[in-house]
Amino acid sequence: MSMDDSQRNSFVLQIANMLENDKVSLDEQDPKILQKYQKFASNQLEMEDSDAVEIVNEAFLYLKMQHSTDCLLYTSPSPRD
């Protein structure tokens, strides 16, 4: 299935919402747990298995970015001699 950016973003958000509702850890690595979301993407969103894995990974990345509170700020020293 070929999808445009808007569709892809919509699918990522759907999976992200499912992950949040199910209170899945953002660091989840258990293949059995991840498979639930990959199967949903494959079946309900009608995409290839490889695309489904990518969408689930993007959903985790999206949520990690949304929950990130760390901000690195670099300021160079002022050249005051």
Protein backbone atom coordinates (compact mmCIF):
# COMPACT_ATOMS: atom_id res chain seq x y z
CA MET A 1 0.00 0.00 0.00
CA SER A 2 1.35 3.37 -0.96
CA MET A 3 0.51 6.11 1.49
CA ASP A 4 1.06 9.83 1.54
CA ASP A 5 2.49 11.72 4.52
CA SER A 6 -0.95 12.66 5.82
CA GLN A 7 -2.11 9.04 5.87
CA ARG A 8 1.14 7.89 7.45
CA ASN A 9 0.87 10.52 10.19
CA SER A 10 -2.73 9.52 10.84
CA PHE A 11 -1.73 5.87 11.22
CA VAL A 12 1.14 6.78 13.56
CA LEU A 13 -1.26 8.77 15.73
CA GLN A 14 -3.77 5.91 15.83
CA ILE A 15 -1.11 3.49 17.04
CA ALA A 16 0.30 6.07 19.47
CA ASN A 17 -3.17 6.54 20.98
CA MET A 18 -3.55 2.79 21.37
CA LEU A 19 -0.15 2.55 23.08
CA GLU A 20 -1.06 5.35 25.49
CA ASN A 21 -4.50 3.90 26.24
CA ASP A 22 -2.93 0.51 26.94
CA LYS A 23 -0.25 2.18 29.10
CA VAL A 24 2.55 0.48 27.18
CA SER A 25 6.04 1.47 28.29
CA LEU A 26 7.80 3.66 25.73
CA ASP A 27 10.78 1.33 26.10
CA GLU A 28 8.77 -1.84 25.43
CA GLN A 29 10.77 -4.53 23.62
CA ASP A 30 8.64 -7.65 24.13
CA PRO A 31 7.83 -8.97 20.64
CA LYS A 32 4.54 -10.46 21.85
CA ILE A 33 3.32 -7.07 23.03
CA LEU A 34 4.57 -5.23 19.95
CA GLN A 35 2.94 -7.80 17.71
CA LYS A 36 -0.53 -6.68 18.84
CA TYR A 37 0.04 -3.23 17.37
CA GLN A 38 1.80 -4.53 14.28
CA LYS A 39 -1.13 -6.88 13.58
CA PHE A 40 -3.57 -4.01 14.04
CA ALA A 41 -1.64 -1.96 11.49
CA SER A 42 -1.44 -4.88 9.07
CA ASN A 43 -5.08 -5.88 9.35
CA GLN A 44 -7.08 -2.80 10.25
CA LEU A 45 -4.96 -0.25 8.39
CA GLU A 46 -4.37 -2.69 5.52
CA MET A 47 -0.62 -2.36 5.14
CA GLU A 48 2.29 -4.68 4.50
CA ASP A 49 3.94 -6.26 7.55
CA SER A 50 7.17 -4.31 7.02
CA ASP A 51 5.23 -1.03 6.85
CA ALA A 52 3.31 -2.02 9.98
CA VAL A 53 6.56 -2.51 11.92
CA GLU A 54 7.77 0.92 10.76
CA ILE A 55 4.50 2.60 11.76
CA VAL A 56 4.63 1.06 15.24
CA ASN A 57 8.25 2.15 15.64
CA GLU A 58 7.34 5.66 14.51
CA ALA A 59 4.48 5.71 17.03
CA PHE A 60 6.94 4.91 19.83
CA LEU A 61 9.31 7.60 18.58
CA TYR A 62 6.47 10.11 18.36
CA LEU A 63 5.41 9.38 21.96
CA LYS A 64 8.99 9.58 23.22
CA MET A 65 9.36 12.98 21.60
CA GLN A 66 6.03 14.12 23.05
CA HIS A 67 7.02 13.03 26.55
CA SER A 68 10.55 14.35 26.43
CA THR A 69 11.14 17.00 29.03
CA ASP A 70 14.89 17.17 28.63
CA CYS A 71 16.15 20.11 26.69
CA LEU A 72 19.78 20.69 26.00
CA LEU A 73 20.77 24.29 25.59
CA TYR A 74 24.23 25.18 24.49
CA THR A 75 25.50 28.69 24.89
CA SER A 76 28.94 29.61 23.78
CA PRO A 77 31.12 31.64 26.09
CA SER A 78 30.88 35.35 25.59
CA PRO A 79 34.05 36.80 24.07
CA ARG A 80 34.60 39.35 26.83
CA ASP A 81 38.31 39.75 27.47
